[in-house]
Every structure is written in C-alpha cells, then in structure tokens.
Amino acid sequence: MATSVDESWDAVVVGGGPAGAATAALLAARRWSVLVIDKARFPRDKACAEFASPGVEIVLRRLGAWEAVQALQPRRLRGMQLIGPSGERFAGTYPRGRAIALPRPQLDQAVLDVARKRGATVWENTRVHDLLREGQRVSGVVAAAGRGAVRHVGARLVVGADGLHSTVARRTDAIRPGWWPHRTGLVTHCEGIDGLDTLASYGEMHVRPGAYVGLAPLPGGCVNVAMVLPTRAVRQRGQDVEGLFWHELAQFPALAGRLARVRRTKSLLGTGPLRRHVPVTAGPGYLLVGDAAGFLDPFTGEGIYRALRGAELAAAAADAALRTPAEADAALAEYCRARQSAFRPKEALCLLVQAFIAYPPLLEYALRRLRRRPRLAQRLFGALGDTHSPWATLAALLRP
C-alpha cells in the first residue's frame, strides 16, 4: 500500500553539495520541478582538500556556474609538487588549464545558487531519515527540519547526493566497503608555514610510509592542510585527534622544518573511511551521484570533478526517465553504464598511484622517471587533471 504524501516533486535531490546542486540545476533548467534537501545550512564547511582539478573549470562553464566561481577569485595553480620521504621531488604541471583552490563553503554556495536561479527549491537544515517506497520502487523521502514535523515527500525520482555516508545509498543497500586502502582524512587551514612562496603557483603533496599530506594555497593567504592517515592510527589515538594531527605533520621530512610559526585558523575536521565501493549506482526510482555513488582516496584530487561530471550524467539519465516513465528503468541502467565508462579508466589510474603511495621507494623511483621523461609526466598530469585520457596514460606508465 502506498504511503500518503504531503507534497510531490518530479525530482527530490538529497544533498546540496556540488553533485546535488549541479544535478538540480540541470534538471530545473529542463523545466522539471526539483526539491533539494540538505541537513546543513549554507554556507557550510566540509572536510575537503579544496583543490579542484583543471577539468572542473570545463564542467563549471558547461553548467553556467564558472562566472560565479571566478568572481570569488580562487587561487589558480599550475600543478602539484610531489615530495617523497627522502626529499625526492617532482613539480608536475597540468598541460591544459589550471587547478582551482577555493574554500568549499564558497564553492558549494556558488553552485547551489545556480540551482536556485534555475528554479530549484532548497530546504536547508532538513534531514532525510528514510525513503518512501511503492513495492520495490523508491517513491520519495521522509524528512524533518530540526525538531519539526516529519514530512512525507513524494518524488518520481530520488537523487542521492548526500555524500560519503549517504542515507539514500544505505537505505537502498548500495554501499560496499572498499577493500583497500583504509584511511581517514584530517583537514584544517593554517597560516605561518615557512616557504609559502613556493606555493604561489603549485600545491604540494608530501608522502611518507603510510601517510601523506597535501598543501593547497587558498585566497587570503592561508593554506588548506589535508592529511590522510591509516584509519587504525586515528582510532588508536582516541580523542586526541588534535595531538595526532600535529605529531604526524612533523613526521614529513621536507615539511618538519617549516612549522616553527604555524598556527591553525579553523577547526580540525575529519572524514572517513576514504574508500567506499558502490557497485550499483541506480535502481527503481533512484540514482546516486557524487560521493554517494562511490568514493576514492583523495590523493589524485578528482572528487569535485567526479561530482560535477557525474551530475551531468545523472541529469541526462533523470531527464530521460522522467520523460518516458515506461523506459525509466532502462534509462537508469544506462546511467550506471555511463558512469563506468566515464570514471573507470581514472579509477584504474588512481589505484596504480595508490600502489606507489603504499611503497614510497617505488614512488621515488617514479618521480625520478618522470623527470627523465617529460612527455610521460605531461600525460600523467593531463589525466590527473581530468583533461586527458587515463587509458593512454596507463599504457605509457606501464611501458618499460
């Protein structure tokens, strides 16, 4: 028996981050009635490296959000310096475009504002607790604002864009734990790191056995410091995560001598586990996008690109499903295939990079090889920047 609903929409998007907001904007532009629900009140902070690959600008332009983001004056970075535990380093430059470094509250607000301008309705400070169903088909959500009344909201399609710990993914039994690697991220903003002049055009990624830390210069002079550690190390430290962060930061050889004047300028945020496998990203009445559709270790920095490019794929599938209800299941199945085609090559490249991170001597060998082979380096950073083919890069990397 179908549950009575308080109101109905063509699409309910759970999550107002880049993936959800972009999906909502694209659907609203196609004249569908769209409701975005997010548990936070925007602008809101998030544990994120705040480093977006050059491919993000390309998608933001297609979305019509680039001018709003550009007005926020993000830092534009030519590439990333990779530093191994012995000090071996390589400055990789993106062959096309530049990366974007911008605080997530500003970026997320800009994309959400585009959705609003296109006609999407946004409910902030509202949590989705469960899904409505008609038989095996998802038909809406159960939501409540703070301690307010519970509302049953009907939807012809529910889009789960609610992040790493997605309610929609859990309620549809879509999540599978990633088998490797098991890591947790700690993120903050800092001032006073010596040698910041080296960060004028490049970010930095420092690697040592079992951990890495990225530095991304942000507008205003502060630096995003994003550290990734084995989850077991964070659990063993218990409540003293702050102490763990500073202790581990000083263990990076090429960074330790630059911390004498460092100070934290915002709260330390954490997130994890930093790998989540979602083998099926759509089903009857729903689809998943962004981190809700699967999450990779953030070393290669493609999270925001996957969110926005995934939103384009999701909106195309949702539009087809809404226009032709009799073929909705086929449209959603095609979305799963389209995601695999779009993202699986980069995932394979990311797993290869993870193998290098797991064994630092191998990473340092790779850094030396990249210096000797500039064309290979250009291919690699083109793929990591989401502007070049990962398959061609993989073939080149594995060639003796």
Protein backbone atom coordinates (compact mmCIF):
# COMPACT_ATOMS: atom_id res chain seq x y z
CA MET A 1 0.00 0.00 0.00
CA ALA A 2 1.41 3.38 -0.99
CA THR A 3 2.12 5.91 1.79
CA SER A 4 0.21 9.19 1.55
CA VAL A 5 2.49 12.17 0.88
CA ASP A 6 2.38 15.81 1.94
CA GLU A 7 3.64 17.05 -1.42
CA SER A 8 5.19 15.70 -4.61
CA TRP A 9 8.01 16.71 -6.95
CA ASP A 10 9.41 15.40 -10.18
CA ALA A 11 12.83 15.00 -8.53
CA VAL A 12 13.96 15.20 -4.92
CA VAL A 13 17.73 15.67 -4.62
CA VAL A 14 19.11 14.68 -1.22
CA GLY A 15 22.28 16.73 -0.65
CA GLY A 16 23.09 20.28 -1.76
CA GLY A 17 26.83 19.94 -2.38
CA PRO A 18 28.32 20.25 -5.88
CA ALA A 19 26.92 16.92 -7.11
CA GLY A 20 23.40 17.54 -5.85
CA ALA A 21 23.28 21.24 -6.69
CA ALA A 22 24.58 20.68 -10.22
CA THR A 23 22.10 17.86 -10.83
CA ALA A 24 19.27 20.06 -9.53
CA ALA A 25 20.37 22.99 -11.69
CA LEU A 26 20.44 20.88 -14.84
CA LEU A 27 17.04 19.30 -14.14
CA ALA A 28 15.44 22.62 -13.22
CA ALA A 29 16.74 24.06 -16.49
CA ARG A 30 14.82 21.26 -18.24
CA ARG A 31 11.61 22.52 -16.54
CA TRP A 32 11.24 19.69 -14.02
CA SER A 33 10.06 20.52 -10.50
CA VAL A 34 13.09 19.93 -8.27
CA LEU A 35 13.49 19.96 -4.49
CA VAL A 36 16.96 19.94 -2.88
CA ILE A 37 17.13 18.82 0.76
CA ASP A 38 20.27 19.24 2.86
CA LYS A 39 20.82 18.69 6.58
CA ALA A 40 23.16 21.70 6.78
CA ARG A 41 22.56 25.41 6.49
CA PHE A 42 24.63 27.00 3.73
CA PRO A 43 27.31 28.16 3.51
CA ARG A 44 28.63 25.16 5.40
CA ASP A 45 32.09 23.76 5.94
CA LYS A 46 33.28 20.32 4.87
CA ALA A 47 36.39 18.19 5.31
CA CYS A 48 37.91 18.61 1.87
CA ALA A 49 41.32 19.34 0.35
CA GLU A 50 39.67 22.26 -1.52
CA PHE A 51 41.75 21.53 -4.60
CA ALA A 52 39.83 21.05 -7.83
CA SER A 53 41.44 19.71 -11.00
CA PRO A 54 41.57 21.77 -14.24
CA GLY A 55 38.72 19.68 -15.61
CA VAL A 56 36.40 21.30 -13.06
CA GLU A 57 36.52 24.65 -14.84
CA ILE A 58 35.42 22.98 -18.07
CA VAL A 59 32.36 21.45 -16.41
CA LEU A 60 31.54 24.62 -14.46
CA ARG A 61 31.49 26.51 -17.75
CA ARG A 62 29.05 24.00 -19.24
CA LEU A 63 26.92 24.28 -16.11
CA GLY A 64 26.86 28.08 -16.31
CA ALA A 65 28.49 28.44 -12.87
CA TRP A 66 32.02 29.47 -13.85
CA GLU A 67 31.45 33.23 -13.72
CA ALA A 68 30.12 32.99 -10.16
CA VAL A 69 33.08 30.86 -9.08
CA GLN A 70 35.57 33.08 -10.90
CA ALA A 71 34.15 36.13 -9.09
CA LEU A 72 35.29 34.53 -5.81
CA GLN A 73 38.90 34.88 -7.03
CA PRO A 74 40.08 31.31 -6.43
CA ARG A 75 43.78 30.53 -6.47
CA ARG A 76 44.80 29.14 -9.86
CA LEU A 77 47.54 26.52 -9.60
CA ARG A 78 49.74 25.33 -12.45
CA GLY A 79 50.29 21.91 -10.89
CA MET A 80 51.45 19.94 -7.88
CA GLN A 81 54.84 19.27 -6.35
CA LEU A 82 55.23 15.65 -5.28
CA ILE A 83 57.75 15.11 -2.47
CA GLY A 84 58.89 11.67 -1.35
CA PRO A 85 60.15 10.74 2.15
CA SER A 86 63.83 11.21 1.19
CA GLY A 87 63.17 14.65 -0.28
CA GLU A 88 62.99 13.40 -3.87
CA ARG A 89 60.57 15.73 -5.63
CA PHE A 90 58.94 16.45 -8.94
CA ALA A 91 56.91 19.51 -9.95
CA GLY A 92 54.16 18.31 -12.26
CA THR A 93 52.46 20.90 -14.45
CA TYR A 94 48.99 20.48 -15.91
CA PRO A 95 49.23 20.63 -19.72
CA ARG A 96 45.79 22.21 -20.09
CA GLY A 97 44.21 24.73 -17.75
CA ARG A 98 44.89 25.30 -14.08
CA ALA A 99 43.61 23.78 -10.87
CA ILE A 100 41.28 25.75 -8.59
CA ALA A 101 41.85 26.21 -4.85
CA LEU A 102 38.83 27.70 -3.09
CA PRO A 103 37.17 27.15 0.32
CA ARG A 104 34.31 24.69 0.00
CA PRO A 105 31.71 26.95 1.65
CA GLN A 106 32.18 29.44 -1.19
CA LEU A 107 32.30 26.88 -4.00
CA ASP A 108 29.28 24.95 -2.75
CA GLN A 109 27.24 28.12 -2.23
CA ALA A 110 28.02 29.30 -5.76
CA VAL A 111 26.81 26.07 -7.37
CA LEU A 112 23.73 25.88 -5.12
CA ASP A 113 22.84 29.45 -6.07
CA VAL A 114 22.83 28.40 -9.73
CA ALA A 115 20.30 25.68 -8.88
CA ARG A 116 18.10 28.23 -7.12
CA LYS A 117 18.29 30.65 -10.03
CA ARG A 118 17.27 27.87 -12.41
CA GLY A 119 14.12 27.29 -10.34
CA ALA A 120 15.02 24.53 -7.84
CA THR A 121 13.58 24.81 -4.32
CA VAL A 122 16.06 24.26 -1.48
CA TRP A 123 15.23 23.08 2.03
CA GLU A 124 18.19 23.69 4.32
CA ASN A 125 18.60 22.37 7.86
CA THR A 126 16.39 19.43 6.90
CA ARG A 127 17.41 15.82 7.37
CA VAL A 128 16.21 12.86 5.29
CA HIS A 129 15.61 9.94 7.64
CA ASP A 130 14.22 7.31 5.30
CA LEU A 131 12.86 6.55 1.84
CA LEU A 132 9.28 6.04 0.76
CA ARG A 133 8.54 3.03 -1.44
CA GLU A 134 5.83 1.66 -3.64
CA GLY A 135 6.67 -2.01 -3.80
CA GLN A 136 10.34 -2.22 -4.81
CA ARG A 137 10.41 1.28 -6.25
CA VAL A 138 11.66 4.33 -4.31
CA SER A 139 8.88 6.91 -4.41
CA GLY A 140 10.04 9.69 -2.10
CA VAL A 141 11.68 10.59 1.19
CA VAL A 142 10.83 11.05 4.84
CA ALA A 143 12.30 14.37 6.03
CA ALA A 144 12.19 16.68 9.03
CA ALA A 145 13.61 20.15 9.69
CA GLY A 146 15.35 20.15 13.07
CA ARG A 147 12.74 19.00 15.58
CA GLY A 148 9.92 19.95 13.27
CA ALA A 149 7.15 17.77 11.92
CA VAL A 150 8.04 14.77 9.78
CA ARG A 151 7.08 15.24 6.14
CA HIS A 152 6.47 12.56 3.54
CA VAL A 153 7.70 14.00 0.26
CA GLY A 154 6.80 12.15 -2.91
CA ALA A 155 9.13 12.06 -5.92
CA ARG A 156 9.08 10.47 -9.33
CA LEU A 157 12.84 10.17 -8.88
CA VAL A 158 15.09 10.46 -5.82
CA VAL A 159 18.69 11.55 -6.38
CA GLY A 160 21.07 10.55 -3.60
CA ALA A 161 23.81 13.18 -3.49
CA ASP A 162 24.27 13.07 0.27
CA GLY A 163 27.93 12.22 0.49
CA LEU A 164 30.19 9.56 1.85
CA HIS A 165 27.69 8.42 4.50
CA SER A 166 24.67 8.64 2.21
CA THR A 167 21.27 7.83 3.68
CA VAL A 168 19.92 7.08 0.21
CA ALA A 169 22.77 4.65 -0.54
CA ARG A 170 22.36 2.91 2.84
CA ARG A 171 18.60 2.61 2.54
CA THR A 172 18.93 1.07 -0.92
CA ASP A 173 21.66 -1.30 0.33
CA ALA A 174 24.06 0.04 -2.30
CA ILE A 175 27.22 0.52 -0.22
CA ARG A 176 30.06 -1.97 -0.04
CA PRO A 177 33.20 -1.28 2.00
CA GLY A 178 36.31 -0.63 -0.06
CA TRP A 179 38.88 -3.37 0.37
CA TRP A 180 41.89 -1.05 0.17
CA PRO A 181 43.21 1.36 1.30
CA HIS A 182 41.67 2.03 4.75
CA ARG A 183 42.40 5.67 5.51
CA THR A 184 40.95 8.67 7.34
CA GLY A 185 41.33 12.33 6.40
CA LEU A 186 42.04 15.28 8.72
CA VAL A 187 41.71 18.79 7.28
CA THR A 188 42.24 22.33 8.52
CA HIS A 189 43.51 25.76 7.43
CA CYS A 190 46.90 27.06 8.60
CA GLU A 191 48.98 30.20 8.48
CA GLY A 192 52.70 30.62 9.13
CA ILE A 193 54.06 27.66 7.16
CA ASP A 194 57.55 28.71 6.07
CA GLY A 195 58.35 28.68 2.38
CA LEU A 196 54.87 29.62 1.23
CA ASP A 197 56.38 31.47 -1.70
CA THR A 198 56.90 28.02 -3.23
CA LEU A 199 53.13 27.59 -3.12
CA ALA A 200 52.46 30.62 -5.32
CA SER A 201 51.73 28.51 -8.41
CA TYR A 202 51.87 24.90 -7.18
CA GLY A 203 50.33 22.87 -4.42
CA GLU A 204 52.44 20.36 -2.51
CA MET A 205 51.91 16.67 -1.77
CA HIS A 206 54.26 15.13 0.82
CA VAL A 207 54.36 11.34 1.08
CA ARG A 208 55.89 9.09 3.73
CA PRO A 209 55.23 5.44 4.66
CA GLY A 210 51.56 5.01 5.48
CA ALA A 211 50.51 8.65 5.13
CA TYR A 212 50.51 11.78 3.01
CA VAL A 213 49.63 15.45 3.41
CA GLY A 214 48.59 17.99 0.79
CA LEU A 215 49.05 21.75 0.93
CA ALA A 216 46.79 23.93 -1.21
CA PRO A 217 47.15 27.73 -1.03
CA LEU A 218 43.80 29.48 -0.69
CA PRO A 219 42.67 33.06 -1.33
CA GLY A 220 43.62 35.34 1.53
CA GLY A 221 46.97 33.75 2.33
CA CYS A 222 46.01 30.69 4.35
CA VAL A 223 46.74 27.12 3.27
CA ASN A 224 44.49 24.08 3.27
CA VAL A 225 46.35 21.27 5.03
CA ALA A 226 44.78 17.89 4.27
CA MET A 227 46.36 14.84 5.92
CA VAL A 228 45.47 11.23 5.19
CA LEU A 229 46.42 8.53 7.71
CA PRO A 230 45.67 4.85 8.24
CA THR A 231 42.30 4.60 9.97
CA ARG A 232 43.79 2.38 12.67
CA ALA A 233 46.23 5.15 13.66
CA VAL A 234 43.36 7.59 14.21
CA ARG A 235 41.38 5.04 16.23
CA GLN A 236 44.36 4.18 18.41
CA ARG A 237 44.82 7.85 19.33
CA GLY A 238 41.27 8.03 20.70
CA GLN A 239 40.01 11.53 21.49
CA ASP A 240 43.33 13.32 21.00
CA VAL A 241 42.94 13.87 17.26
CA GLU A 242 44.42 17.36 17.53
CA GLY A 243 47.60 15.99 19.08
CA LEU A 244 47.73 13.26 16.46
CA PHE A 245 47.47 15.83 13.65
CA TRP A 246 50.39 17.97 14.84
CA HIS A 247 52.53 14.96 15.71
CA GLU A 248 52.02 13.37 12.31
CA LEU A 249 52.51 16.65 10.44
CA ALA A 250 56.01 16.96 11.92
CA GLN A 251 56.92 13.48 10.63
CA PHE A 252 57.08 14.59 7.00
CA PRO A 253 60.81 15.26 6.47
CA ALA A 254 60.53 18.04 3.87
CA LEU A 255 57.83 19.80 5.91
CA ALA A 256 59.02 19.42 9.51
CA GLY A 257 61.47 22.33 9.35
CA ARG A 258 58.80 24.72 8.07
CA LEU A 259 56.39 24.51 11.02
CA ALA A 260 58.03 26.73 13.67
CA ARG A 261 55.48 29.56 13.21
CA VAL A 262 52.49 27.57 12.01
CA ARG A 263 49.08 28.09 13.56
CA ARG A 264 45.67 26.66 12.83
CA THR A 265 42.98 29.14 11.71
CA LYS A 266 39.89 26.92 11.63
CA SER A 267 38.55 23.82 13.31
CA LEU A 268 40.11 20.48 12.53
CA LEU A 269 37.66 18.40 10.50
CA GLY A 270 37.76 14.67 9.84
CA THR A 271 36.22 12.27 7.37
CA GLY A 272 36.48 8.59 6.56
CA PRO A 273 36.79 5.85 5.64
CA LEU A 274 38.28 7.25 2.42
CA ARG A 275 37.21 4.43 0.17
CA ARG A 276 33.65 3.34 -0.45
CA HIS A 277 32.56 0.97 -3.19
CA VAL A 278 29.08 1.31 -4.70
CA PRO A 279 28.72 -1.35 -7.41
CA VAL A 280 25.20 -0.30 -8.47
CA THR A 281 24.52 3.43 -8.65
CA ALA A 282 20.86 3.40 -9.69
CA GLY A 283 17.73 1.34 -9.26
CA PRO A 284 13.94 1.63 -9.46
CA GLY A 285 13.10 5.22 -8.61
CA TYR A 286 16.53 6.43 -7.54
CA LEU A 287 20.09 7.15 -8.60
CA LEU A 288 23.28 8.09 -6.74
CA VAL A 289 25.80 10.79 -7.62
CA GLY A 290 28.90 12.35 -6.10
CA ASP A 291 30.49 10.65 -3.09
CA ALA A 292 27.23 8.76 -2.52
CA ALA A 293 27.99 6.87 -5.74
CA GLY A 294 31.44 5.79 -4.55
CA PHE A 295 34.49 7.44 -3.06
CA LEU A 296 38.19 7.11 -3.88
CA ASP A 297 41.19 8.09 -1.81
CA PRO A 298 41.64 11.84 -2.48
CA PHE A 299 45.37 11.84 -3.38
CA THR A 300 44.65 12.45 -7.06
CA GLY A 301 42.18 15.26 -6.33
CA GLU A 302 39.33 14.42 -8.70
CA GLY A 303 36.45 14.42 -6.17
CA ILE A 304 34.83 17.68 -7.27
CA TYR A 305 35.31 16.81 -10.93
CA ARG A 306 33.59 13.44 -10.39
CA ALA A 307 30.77 15.22 -8.57
CA LEU A 308 30.13 17.71 -11.37
CA ARG A 309 30.70 15.36 -14.31
CA GLY A 310 28.58 12.74 -12.54
CA ALA A 311 25.85 15.35 -12.17
CA GLU A 312 25.80 15.84 -15.92
CA LEU A 313 25.37 12.10 -16.44
CA ALA A 314 22.76 11.90 -13.67
CA ALA A 315 20.72 14.79 -15.07
CA ALA A 316 20.70 13.27 -18.57
CA ALA A 317 19.51 9.92 -17.18
CA ALA A 318 16.95 11.55 -14.89
CA ASP A 319 15.56 13.63 -17.73
CA ALA A 320 15.13 10.52 -19.88
CA ALA A 321 13.49 8.60 -17.02
CA LEU A 322 11.06 11.44 -16.26
CA ARG A 323 10.14 12.00 -19.90
CA THR A 324 9.39 8.35 -20.62
CA PRO A 325 8.26 6.60 -17.41
CA ALA A 326 7.80 3.27 -19.19
CA GLU A 327 11.52 3.28 -20.02
CA ALA A 328 12.73 4.77 -16.74
CA ASP A 329 14.47 1.61 -15.54
CA ALA A 330 16.37 1.34 -18.82
CA ALA A 331 17.45 4.98 -18.55
CA LEU A 332 18.73 4.41 -15.01
CA ALA A 333 20.58 1.26 -16.03
CA GLU A 334 22.22 3.25 -18.81
CA TYR A 335 23.34 5.77 -16.19
CA CYS A 336 25.24 3.01 -14.37
CA ARG A 337 26.99 2.06 -17.61
CA ALA A 338 27.73 5.69 -18.47
CA ARG A 339 29.38 6.22 -15.07
CA GLN A 340 31.56 3.16 -15.54
CA SER A 341 32.63 4.34 -18.97
CA ALA A 342 33.37 7.86 -17.70
CA PHE A 343 35.17 7.02 -14.45
CA ARG A 344 36.58 3.50 -14.54
CA PRO A 345 39.75 4.44 -16.51
CA LYS A 346 40.61 7.15 -13.95
CA GLU A 347 39.87 4.72 -11.10
CA ALA A 348 42.39 2.27 -12.55
CA LEU A 349 44.97 5.05 -12.74
CA CYS A 350 44.20 6.08 -9.16
CA LEU A 351 44.70 2.52 -7.90
CA LEU A 352 48.09 2.43 -9.62
CA VAL A 353 49.00 5.71 -7.90
CA GLN A 354 47.87 4.21 -4.58
CA ALA A 355 50.32 1.37 -5.07
CA PHE A 356 53.12 3.92 -5.43
CA ILE A 357 51.97 5.70 -2.26
CA ALA A 358 51.88 2.43 -0.32
CA TYR A 359 55.54 1.75 -1.16
CA PRO A 360 57.47 5.06 -1.02
CA PRO A 361 60.68 3.72 -2.63
CA LEU A 362 58.57 2.91 -5.67
CA LEU A 363 57.15 6.45 -5.57
CA GLU A 364 60.63 7.96 -5.51
CA TYR A 365 61.63 5.79 -8.46
CA ALA A 366 58.55 7.08 -10.29
CA LEU A 367 59.44 10.70 -9.50
CA ARG A 368 62.92 10.22 -10.95
CA ARG A 369 61.44 8.56 -14.02
CA LEU A 370 59.00 11.45 -14.53
CA ARG A 371 61.90 13.92 -14.51
CA ARG A 372 63.66 11.91 -17.21
CA ARG A 373 60.52 11.54 -19.33
CA PRO A 374 58.76 14.92 -19.59
CA ARG A 375 56.22 13.70 -22.16
CA LEU A 376 55.16 10.92 -19.79
CA ALA A 377 54.85 13.47 -16.99
CA GLN A 378 52.69 15.65 -19.20
CA ARG A 379 50.39 12.72 -19.97
CA LEU A 380 50.13 11.79 -16.31
CA PHE A 381 49.23 15.28 -15.14
CA GLY A 382 46.81 15.67 -18.02
CA ALA A 383 44.99 12.55 -16.84
CA LEU A 384 45.17 13.55 -13.17
CA GLY A 385 43.85 16.96 -14.17
CA ASP A 386 40.82 15.37 -15.89
CA THR A 387 41.68 16.83 -19.29
CA HIS A 388 43.46 13.85 -20.94
CA SER A 389 42.74 10.14 -21.43
CA PRO A 390 43.62 7.94 -18.42
CA TRP A 391 43.85 4.81 -20.63
CA ALA A 392 46.65 6.25 -22.77
CA THR A 393 48.42 7.38 -19.60
CA LEU A 394 48.15 3.94 -18.00
CA ALA A 395 49.62 2.32 -21.10
CA ALA A 396 52.53 4.78 -21.09
CA LEU A 397 53.18 4.36 -17.36
CA LEU A 398 53.32 0.58 -17.57
CA ARG A 399 55.60 0.61 -20.61
CA PRO A 400 59.22 -0.22 -19.63
